[in-house]
Amino acid sequence: MATYIYVKRNTKHPYSYPDEDAPFTQFKKVKMGVAFNMVNSRVGWERAKREDYEHWQQLIRNIKRQQL
């Protein structure tokens, strides 16, 4: 079982993750116990998969390249 997992939240539109909101999406890699508390504290965090994190990284890279 994983001891560290990813959690995510969207500060602009909570609980939805469209690609255009990538700059407003936050990811954290935290221990499972901390993630449980974050998800259940009603702050807007939810569990994420590694694929979600990698997809988000790719979107952010593309946005930064377009700004140059």
C-alpha atoms as a PDB file:
ATOM      1  CA  MET A   1       0.000   0.000   0.000  1.00  0.00           C
ATOM      2  CA  ALA A   2       1.263   3.467  -0.856  1.00  0.00           C
ATOM      3  CA  THR A   3       2.493   5.584   2.011  1.00  0.00           C
ATOM      4  CA  TYR A   4       2.396   8.791  -0.062  1.00  0.00           C
ATOM      5  CA  ILE A   5      -0.468   9.730  -2.365  1.00  0.00           C
ATOM      6  CA  TYR A   6      -1.456  12.761  -4.422  1.00  0.00           C
ATOM      7  CA  VAL A   7      -4.309  15.076  -3.525  1.00  0.00           C
ATOM      8  CA  LYS A   8      -5.637  17.866  -5.714  1.00  0.00           C
ATOM      9  CA  ARG A   9      -7.976  20.841  -5.628  1.00  0.00           C
ATOM     10  CA  ASN A  10      -9.157  23.522  -8.010  1.00  0.00           C
ATOM     11  CA  THR A  11      -9.241  26.971  -6.421  1.00  0.00           C
ATOM     12  CA  LYS A  12     -11.371  28.471  -9.203  1.00  0.00           C
ATOM     13  CA  HIS A  13     -14.083  25.807  -9.659  1.00  0.00           C
ATOM     14  CA  PRO A  14     -14.062  23.329  -6.756  1.00  0.00           C
ATOM     15  CA  TYR A  15     -14.343  19.622  -7.598  1.00  0.00           C
ATOM     16  CA  SER A  16     -14.045  20.063 -11.381  1.00  0.00           C
ATOM     17  CA  TYR A  17     -10.794  19.859 -13.330  1.00  0.00           C
ATOM     18  CA  PRO A  18     -11.102  21.090 -16.915  1.00  0.00           C
ATOM     19  CA  ASP A  19      -7.838  21.633 -18.794  1.00  0.00           C
ATOM     20  CA  GLU A  20      -8.344  25.405 -18.979  1.00  0.00           C
ATOM     21  CA  ASP A  21      -8.273  25.577 -15.155  1.00  0.00           C
ATOM     22  CA  ALA A  22      -4.799  24.010 -14.952  1.00  0.00           C
ATOM     23  CA  PRO A  23      -3.161  27.172 -13.523  1.00  0.00           C
ATOM     24  CA  PHE A  24      -5.698  27.133 -10.674  1.00  0.00           C
ATOM     25  CA  THR A  25      -5.238  23.453  -9.831  1.00  0.00           C
ATOM     26  CA  GLN A  26      -3.010  22.519  -6.914  1.00  0.00           C
ATOM     27  CA  PHE A  27      -1.410  19.133  -6.279  1.00  0.00           C
ATOM     28  CA  LYS A  28       0.350  17.864  -3.180  1.00  0.00           C
ATOM     29  CA  LYS A  29       2.070  14.579  -2.421  1.00  0.00           C
ATOM     30  CA  VAL A  30       1.314  13.782   1.221  1.00  0.00           C
ATOM     31  CA  LYS A  31       1.176  10.818   3.567  1.00  0.00           C
ATOM     32  CA  MET A  32      -2.021   8.817   3.524  1.00  0.00           C
ATOM     33  CA  GLY A  33      -3.086   9.932   7.010  1.00  0.00           C
ATOM     34  CA  VAL A  34      -2.631  13.591   6.116  1.00  0.00           C
ATOM     35  CA  ALA A  35      -4.530  13.052   2.855  1.00  0.00           C
ATOM     36  CA  PHE A  36      -7.426  11.496   4.762  1.00  0.00           C
ATOM     37  CA  ASN A  37      -7.633  14.579   6.992  1.00  0.00           C
ATOM     38  CA  MET A  38      -7.367  16.948   4.005  1.00  0.00           C
ATOM     39  CA  VAL A  39     -10.117  15.189   2.076  1.00  0.00           C
ATOM     40  CA  ASN A  40     -12.481  15.000   5.049  1.00  0.00           C
ATOM     41  CA  SER A  41     -11.916  18.555   6.274  1.00  0.00           C
ATOM     42  CA  ARG A  42     -14.158  19.996   3.509  1.00  0.00           C
ATOM     43  CA  VAL A  43     -11.518  22.313   2.146  1.00  0.00           C
ATOM     44  CA  GLY A  44     -11.936  21.088  -1.432  1.00  0.00           C
ATOM     45  CA  TRP A  45      -9.152  18.507  -1.604  1.00  0.00           C
ATOM     46  CA  GLU A  46      -9.707  15.103  -3.179  1.00  0.00           C
ATOM     47  CA  ARG A  47      -7.506  12.143  -3.974  1.00  0.00           C
ATOM     48  CA  ALA A  48      -5.685  12.202  -7.303  1.00  0.00           C
ATOM     49  CA  LYS A  49      -3.954   9.595  -9.405  1.00  0.00           C
ATOM     50  CA  ARG A  50      -0.390   9.862 -10.631  1.00  0.00           C
ATOM     51  CA  GLU A  51      -1.759  10.099 -14.191  1.00  0.00           C
ATOM     52  CA  ASP A  52      -3.753  13.195 -13.172  1.00  0.00           C
ATOM     53  CA  TYR A  53      -0.577  14.780 -11.822  1.00  0.00           C
ATOM     54  CA  GLU A  54       1.433  13.951 -14.953  1.00  0.00           C
ATOM     55  CA  HIS A  55      -1.335  15.305 -17.202  1.00  0.00           C
ATOM     56  CA  TRP A  56      -1.436  18.524 -15.149  1.00  0.00           C
ATOM     57  CA  GLN A  57       2.361  18.898 -15.402  1.00  0.00           C
ATOM     58  CA  GLN A  58       2.153  18.595 -19.186  1.00  0.00           C
ATOM     59  CA  LEU A  59      -0.570  21.265 -19.344  1.00  0.00           C
ATOM     60  CA  ILE A  60       1.478  23.656 -17.192  1.00  0.00           C
ATOM     61  CA  ARG A  61       4.573  23.103 -19.391  1.00  0.00           C
ATOM     62  CA  ASN A  62       2.531  23.895 -22.498  1.00  0.00           C
ATOM     63  CA  ILE A  63       1.133  27.060 -20.928  1.00  0.00           C
ATOM     64  CA  LYS A  64       4.601  28.250 -19.935  1.00  0.00           C
ATOM     65  CA  ARG A  65       5.960  27.584 -23.438  1.00  0.00           C
ATOM     66  CA  GLN A  66       3.116  29.592 -24.988  1.00  0.00           C
ATOM     67  CA  GLN A  67       3.882  32.546 -22.700  1.00  0.00           C
ATOM     68  CA  LEU A  68       7.527  32.742 -23.849  1.00  0.00           C
END
